[in-house]
């Protein structure tokens, strides 16, 4: 075997190339350059919103009782809450629109004015919180009055919402897209280029803002006033955010 043949075989073995009888080793394939061209784009974000009058309300109210023992406090609470629920149903509220969202039993301590000793336990407190869904806003105030007269002694909040938020959300999305397009046009003009076609778009729909109408932590006695509780709902806002990627028109 000639010296040149031996050198070729050794080179093929080192490079891991297949060998065939009488064939010369093949050189490794040439590297192909990676594509360096990238489409020029403009990426913008638009934030839109739409407003609508609420058409439903939510009331969080509670019955809180205190007694020397946990069982006595629980029994008293159950009787009062059942009276509240029966009064609300009699006033026109549907049972399925009332749900318990918290029930707690905890020790009740007397405050120590001197602060030089541990507080003394004087009994137990029981709190039963219910979440009420009101579908007629004109009845929010009357339902509150009914609950208070029946024995509810805490109203935590009154909030408003939209039964079909998707309708308002569509309007918010359209507003967000229009704002994104305007931003893209302004940016393109400032850069001295022309805005092209939309290459990609994505969105994040924000939840409906809930505006709670806070009431005093402990409700007043129903005998304090014969007037109906006035409730003024607040306009709801739906927000949407879109991200749009435009191509830069190569014609300019």
Protein backbone atom coordinates (compact mmCIF):
# COMPACT_ATOMS: atom_id res chain seq x y z
CA UNK A 1 0.00 0.00 0.00
CA UNK A 2 1.41 3.32 -1.02
CA UNK A 3 2.17 6.01 1.51
CA UNK A 4 -0.55 8.26 0.06
CA UNK A 5 -3.13 5.45 0.38
CA UNK A 6 -2.13 4.82 4.00
CA UNK A 7 -2.44 8.55 4.77
CA UNK A 8 -5.93 8.63 3.22
CA UNK A 9 -7.05 5.61 5.26
CA UNK A 10 -5.70 7.12 8.48
CA UNK A 11 -7.46 10.41 7.75
CA UNK A 12 -10.77 8.58 7.11
CA UNK A 13 -10.49 6.67 10.37
CA UNK A 14 -9.82 9.87 12.33
CA UNK A 15 -12.79 11.62 10.72
CA UNK A 16 -15.14 8.65 11.17
CA UNK A 17 -15.83 8.39 7.42
CA UNK A 18 -17.07 5.12 5.89
CA UNK A 19 -14.55 3.18 3.88
CA UNK A 20 -15.22 1.17 0.72
CA UNK A 21 -12.79 -0.84 -1.27
CA UNK A 22 -10.92 1.28 -3.71
CA UNK A 23 -12.81 4.41 -2.73
CA UNK A 24 -11.18 7.60 -1.69
CA UNK A 25 -12.32 9.14 1.63
CA UNK A 26 -14.94 11.80 1.24
CA UNK A 27 -14.30 15.23 2.75
CA UNK A 28 -16.70 16.43 5.51
CA UNK A 29 -19.69 18.41 4.26
CA UNK A 30 -19.22 22.12 4.06
CA UNK A 31 -20.98 24.20 6.72
CA UNK A 32 -23.97 26.14 5.44
CA UNK A 33 -24.30 29.69 6.73
CA UNK A 34 -27.33 30.35 8.99
CA UNK A 35 -30.03 32.62 7.71
CA UNK A 36 -29.35 36.15 8.84
CA UNK A 37 -32.38 37.87 7.48
CA UNK A 38 -35.11 38.73 9.99
CA UNK A 39 -38.40 40.43 9.25
CA UNK A 40 -38.57 43.92 10.64
CA UNK A 41 -41.55 44.47 12.95
CA UNK A 42 -43.18 46.97 15.27
CA UNK A 43 -44.62 45.65 18.53
CA UNK A 44 -47.19 47.78 20.38
CA UNK A 45 -49.62 47.39 23.26
CA UNK A 46 -53.11 48.85 23.51
CA UNK A 47 -55.28 49.15 26.60
CA UNK A 48 -59.00 49.71 26.18
CA UNK A 49 -62.03 49.88 28.43
CA UNK A 50 -65.79 49.93 28.28
CA UNK A 51 -68.33 50.97 30.91
CA UNK A 52 -71.81 49.71 31.65
CA UNK A 53 -74.44 50.11 34.33
CA UNK A 54 -74.54 47.10 36.70
CA UNK A 55 -77.54 44.79 36.66
CA UNK A 56 -76.87 42.65 39.75
CA UNK A 57 -75.69 43.11 43.32
CA UNK A 58 -74.08 41.05 46.07
CA UNK A 59 -74.63 41.54 49.80
CA UNK A 60 -72.36 40.06 52.45
CA UNK A 61 -74.14 40.05 55.81
CA UNK A 62 -73.80 38.10 59.03
CA UNK A 63 -75.39 37.10 62.31
CA UNK A 64 -73.00 37.24 65.26
CA UNK A 65 -73.93 35.89 68.70
CA UNK A 66 -72.18 35.63 72.08
CA UNK A 67 -72.83 33.21 74.96
CA UNK A 68 -70.98 31.63 77.92
CA UNK A 69 -70.52 28.35 75.98
CA UNK A 70 -69.83 27.55 72.35
CA UNK A 71 -72.95 25.40 72.11
CA UNK A 72 -75.19 28.15 73.49
CA UNK A 73 -73.70 30.71 71.10
CA UNK A 74 -74.13 28.30 68.18
CA UNK A 75 -77.75 27.51 69.05
CA UNK A 76 -78.64 31.20 69.36
CA UNK A 77 -76.90 31.96 66.08
CA UNK A 78 -78.73 29.19 64.22
CA UNK A 79 -82.13 30.46 65.39
CA UNK A 80 -81.39 34.05 64.40
CA UNK A 81 -79.91 33.15 61.03
CA UNK A 82 -82.85 30.91 60.14
CA UNK A 83 -85.15 33.81 60.95
CA UNK A 84 -83.11 36.10 58.68
CA UNK A 85 -83.17 33.63 55.80
CA UNK A 86 -86.91 33.01 56.15
CA UNK A 87 -87.57 36.76 56.12
CA UNK A 88 -85.47 37.25 52.96
CA UNK A 89 -87.25 34.41 51.17
CA UNK A 90 -90.62 35.78 52.21
CA UNK A 91 -89.55 39.16 50.83
CA UNK A 92 -88.94 37.58 47.40
CA UNK A 93 -85.35 36.33 47.47
CA UNK A 94 -84.77 32.84 46.04
CA UNK A 95 -83.04 30.37 48.40
CA UNK A 96 -80.47 29.38 45.76
CA UNK A 97 -79.29 32.99 45.69
CA UNK A 98 -78.19 32.74 49.34
CA UNK A 99 -75.05 30.83 50.27
CA UNK A 100 -72.92 30.55 53.39
CA UNK A 101 -69.40 31.80 52.79
CA UNK A 102 -68.01 31.64 56.34
CA UNK A 103 -68.91 30.14 59.72
CA UNK A 104 -66.66 30.65 62.74
CA UNK A 105 -66.66 29.82 66.46
CA UNK A 106 -64.02 31.52 68.59
CA UNK A 107 -63.39 32.43 72.24
CA UNK A 108 -64.57 35.81 73.49
CA UNK A 109 -62.26 37.72 75.82
CA UNK A 110 -62.91 40.69 78.06
CA UNK A 111 -60.43 43.53 77.53
CA UNK A 112 -57.92 44.13 80.31
CA UNK A 113 -57.77 47.90 80.86
CA UNK A 114 -54.51 47.74 82.81
CA UNK A 115 -52.76 45.43 80.39
CA UNK A 116 -50.77 43.72 83.17
CA UNK A 117 -52.45 40.33 82.86
CA UNK A 118 -53.74 37.97 80.21
CA UNK A 119 -57.26 38.76 78.93
CA UNK A 120 -60.01 36.79 80.66
CA UNK A 121 -62.26 34.58 78.56
CA UNK A 122 -65.90 35.42 79.12
CA UNK A 123 -67.52 33.09 76.61
CA UNK A 124 -67.71 32.31 72.91
CA UNK A 125 -68.74 34.11 69.74
CA UNK A 126 -70.27 32.54 66.66
CA UNK A 127 -70.33 34.31 63.30
CA UNK A 128 -72.36 33.05 60.34
CA UNK A 129 -71.72 34.97 57.11
CA UNK A 130 -73.93 34.64 54.04
CA UNK A 131 -73.48 35.89 50.49
CA UNK A 132 -76.70 37.13 48.88
CA UNK A 133 -77.14 37.51 45.12
CA UNK A 134 -79.69 40.19 44.23
CA UNK A 135 -80.83 40.25 40.60
CA UNK A 136 -83.07 43.34 40.90
CA UNK A 137 -81.11 46.42 41.98
CA UNK A 138 -84.28 48.15 43.13
CA UNK A 139 -84.59 45.55 45.88
CA UNK A 140 -81.10 45.86 47.38
CA UNK A 141 -82.14 48.44 49.98
CA UNK A 142 -85.37 46.66 50.95
CA UNK A 143 -83.55 43.32 51.31
CA UNK A 144 -81.02 44.96 53.62
CA UNK A 145 -83.82 46.38 55.76
CA UNK A 146 -85.55 43.01 55.92
CA UNK A 147 -82.35 41.25 57.00
CA UNK A 148 -81.61 43.80 59.71
CA UNK A 149 -85.14 43.69 61.09
CA UNK A 150 -84.99 39.88 61.20
CA UNK A 151 -81.80 39.80 63.27
CA UNK A 152 -78.75 40.29 61.05
CA UNK A 153 -76.33 42.47 62.99
CA UNK A 154 -73.46 42.87 60.54
CA UNK A 155 -73.31 44.00 56.90
CA UNK A 156 -69.79 43.64 55.55
CA UNK A 157 -70.28 44.97 52.03
CA UNK A 158 -72.58 45.60 49.09
CA UNK A 159 -71.04 45.24 45.62
CA UNK A 160 -72.32 45.38 42.06
CA UNK A 161 -71.64 43.41 38.91
CA UNK A 162 -72.64 42.53 35.36
CA UNK A 163 -74.55 39.34 34.61
CA UNK A 164 -73.14 39.25 31.03
CA UNK A 165 -69.69 40.85 31.18
CA UNK A 166 -68.64 39.30 27.86
CA UNK A 167 -70.72 41.86 25.95
CA UNK A 168 -68.88 44.74 27.57
CA UNK A 169 -65.56 42.92 27.26
CA UNK A 170 -65.96 42.75 23.47
CA UNK A 171 -66.29 46.53 23.37
CA UNK A 172 -63.18 46.86 25.56
CA UNK A 173 -61.23 44.62 23.19
CA UNK A 174 -62.24 46.65 20.16
CA UNK A 175 -61.12 49.80 21.94
CA UNK A 176 -57.80 48.18 22.88
CA UNK A 177 -57.12 47.09 19.27
CA UNK A 178 -57.87 50.58 17.96
CA UNK A 179 -55.51 52.13 20.50
CA UNK A 180 -52.79 49.63 19.58
CA UNK A 181 -53.18 50.47 15.88
CA UNK A 182 -52.95 54.19 16.63
CA UNK A 183 -49.78 53.65 18.65
CA UNK A 184 -48.29 51.59 15.82
CA UNK A 185 -49.03 54.29 13.27
CA UNK A 186 -47.49 57.00 15.44
CA UNK A 187 -44.39 54.89 16.05
CA UNK A 188 -44.00 54.03 12.37
CA UNK A 189 -44.32 57.69 11.35
CA UNK A 190 -41.72 58.70 13.93
CA UNK A 191 -39.33 56.06 12.57
CA UNK A 192 -39.93 57.09 8.98
CA UNK A 193 -41.39 53.75 7.93
CA UNK A 194 -44.78 52.47 6.85
CA UNK A 195 -46.93 50.18 8.98
CA UNK A 196 -47.59 46.81 7.37
CA UNK A 197 -49.87 43.86 8.02
CA UNK A 198 -50.62 42.38 11.42
CA UNK A 199 -48.33 39.39 12.06
CA UNK A 200 -49.51 38.42 15.52
CA UNK A 201 -51.92 39.55 18.25
CA UNK A 202 -52.66 38.43 21.80
CA UNK A 203 -54.91 39.70 24.55
CA UNK A 204 -55.37 39.75 28.29
CA UNK A 205 -58.90 40.50 29.45
CA UNK A 206 -59.02 42.18 32.82
CA UNK A 207 -61.68 41.14 35.38
CA UNK A 208 -64.63 43.42 35.91
CA UNK A 209 -63.92 46.00 38.54
CA UNK A 210 -66.09 45.50 41.60
CA UNK A 211 -66.99 48.63 43.49
CA UNK A 212 -68.05 47.69 47.03
CA UNK A 213 -70.32 50.00 48.96
CA UNK A 214 -69.07 49.60 52.50
CA UNK A 215 -71.47 49.77 55.40
CA UNK A 216 -70.74 50.08 59.13
CA UNK A 217 -69.24 46.92 60.61
CA UNK A 218 -72.10 46.51 63.07
CA UNK A 219 -75.51 47.36 61.65
CA UNK A 220 -77.89 49.65 63.51
CA UNK A 221 -81.08 48.36 65.01
CA UNK A 222 -84.02 48.30 62.62
CA UNK A 223 -86.05 50.40 65.06
CA UNK A 224 -83.60 53.30 64.68
CA UNK A 225 -85.14 54.35 61.39
CA UNK A 226 -88.24 53.50 59.41
CA UNK A 227 -86.78 54.81 56.15
CA UNK A 228 -85.61 52.36 53.50
CA UNK A 229 -81.86 52.09 53.04
CA UNK A 230 -80.83 54.06 49.91
CA UNK A 231 -78.45 52.20 47.58
CA UNK A 232 -76.86 53.85 44.55
CA UNK A 233 -75.07 51.41 42.20
CA UNK A 234 -71.82 52.45 40.59
CA UNK A 235 -70.95 52.07 36.91
CA UNK A 236 -68.84 49.00 36.13
CA UNK A 237 -65.64 49.11 34.08
CA UNK A 238 -64.24 46.29 31.97
CA UNK A 239 -60.65 46.58 30.74
CA UNK A 240 -58.72 44.67 28.08
CA UNK A 241 -55.10 44.71 26.95
CA UNK A 242 -53.86 43.61 23.52
CA UNK A 243 -50.37 43.17 22.12
CA UNK A 244 -50.09 43.53 18.35
CA UNK A 245 -47.05 42.89 16.12
CA UNK A 246 -47.07 44.75 12.80
CA UNK A 247 -44.74 44.16 9.89
CA UNK A 248 -42.78 47.12 8.61
CA UNK A 249 -43.81 47.63 4.99
CA UNK A 250 -40.77 46.91 2.85
CA UNK A 251 -42.05 49.33 0.22
CA UNK A 252 -40.78 52.28 2.20
